[in-house]
């Protein structure tokens, strides 16, 4: 991994977008293969968990949290 800044964006009514050089590890320590940019499911309904497949659009997922 490099010292590149990683950005994690919580998209309104959608996924969590990760951009940068990161490792994504499951609960047993196994690494998912990811590129420099990918989206994680936030609605819980993706058929490609933990990755987003766009299902949030079909189910009208409603969440737009804001930092305070």
Protein backbone atom coordinates (compact mmCIF):
# COMPACT_ATOMS: atom_id res chain seq x y z
CA UNK A 1 0.00 0.00 0.00
CA UNK A 2 1.15 3.53 -0.71
CA UNK A 3 0.80 6.77 1.21
CA UNK A 4 -1.85 7.94 -1.26
CA UNK A 5 -4.86 9.61 0.35
CA UNK A 6 -7.93 7.38 0.47
CA UNK A 7 -11.39 8.90 0.02
CA UNK A 8 -14.56 7.25 1.33
CA UNK A 9 -17.79 8.90 0.20
CA UNK A 10 -21.26 8.00 1.48
CA UNK A 11 -23.47 8.61 -1.56
CA UNK A 12 -26.99 9.90 -1.01
CA UNK A 13 -29.48 7.03 -1.34
CA UNK A 14 -26.71 4.74 -2.60
CA UNK A 15 -23.38 3.09 -2.08
CA UNK A 16 -20.19 3.85 -0.22
CA UNK A 17 -17.54 4.81 -2.79
CA UNK A 18 -13.89 4.09 -1.94
CA UNK A 19 -11.12 5.66 -4.00
CA UNK A 20 -7.44 5.05 -3.35
CA UNK A 21 -5.03 2.24 -2.56
CA UNK A 22 -6.78 0.08 0.05
CA UNK A 23 -7.12 -3.57 1.02
CA UNK A 24 -10.61 -4.96 1.60
CA UNK A 25 -10.57 -7.93 3.98
CA UNK A 26 -13.41 -10.27 4.99
CA UNK A 27 -14.14 -11.51 8.52
CA UNK A 28 -11.69 -14.40 8.15
CA UNK A 29 -8.84 -12.24 6.89
CA UNK A 30 -9.23 -13.11 3.20
CA UNK A 31 -8.60 -10.29 0.75
CA UNK A 32 -11.17 -9.22 -1.84
CA UNK A 33 -9.66 -8.20 -5.17
CA UNK A 34 -10.41 -4.52 -5.72
CA UNK A 35 -9.14 -1.77 -7.97
CA UNK A 36 -8.30 1.83 -7.11
CA UNK A 37 -12.02 2.68 -6.98
CA UNK A 38 -15.01 0.56 -6.00
CA UNK A 39 -18.41 0.82 -4.31
CA UNK A 40 -19.70 -1.07 -1.29
CA UNK A 41 -23.37 -1.90 -0.75
CA UNK A 42 -25.14 0.16 1.88
CA UNK A 43 -28.76 -0.92 1.30
CA UNK A 44 -28.11 -4.58 2.15
CA UNK A 45 -29.84 -5.92 -0.97
CA UNK A 46 -26.95 -6.28 -3.47
CA UNK A 47 -26.48 -9.71 -5.07
CA UNK A 48 -22.73 -8.96 -5.19
CA UNK A 49 -22.16 -8.17 -1.49
CA UNK A 50 -20.11 -6.55 -0.18
CA UNK A 51 -20.05 -4.68 -3.49
CA UNK A 52 -22.83 -2.49 -4.85
CA UNK A 53 -24.79 -3.74 -7.87
CA UNK A 54 -27.20 -0.79 -8.14
CA UNK A 55 -30.11 -2.51 -6.38
CA UNK A 56 -30.56 0.57 -4.16
CA UNK A 57 -32.08 2.34 -7.18
CA UNK A 58 -34.69 -0.41 -7.69
CA UNK A 59 -35.77 -0.50 -4.04
CA UNK A 60 -35.78 3.29 -3.52
CA UNK A 61 -33.16 3.11 -0.75
CA UNK A 62 -33.52 6.30 1.29
CA UNK A 63 -30.53 7.52 3.28
CA UNK A 64 -28.59 10.76 3.04
CA UNK A 65 -26.53 11.16 6.23
CA UNK A 66 -24.59 14.38 6.82
CA UNK A 67 -21.44 15.03 8.82
CA UNK A 68 -21.98 17.42 11.70
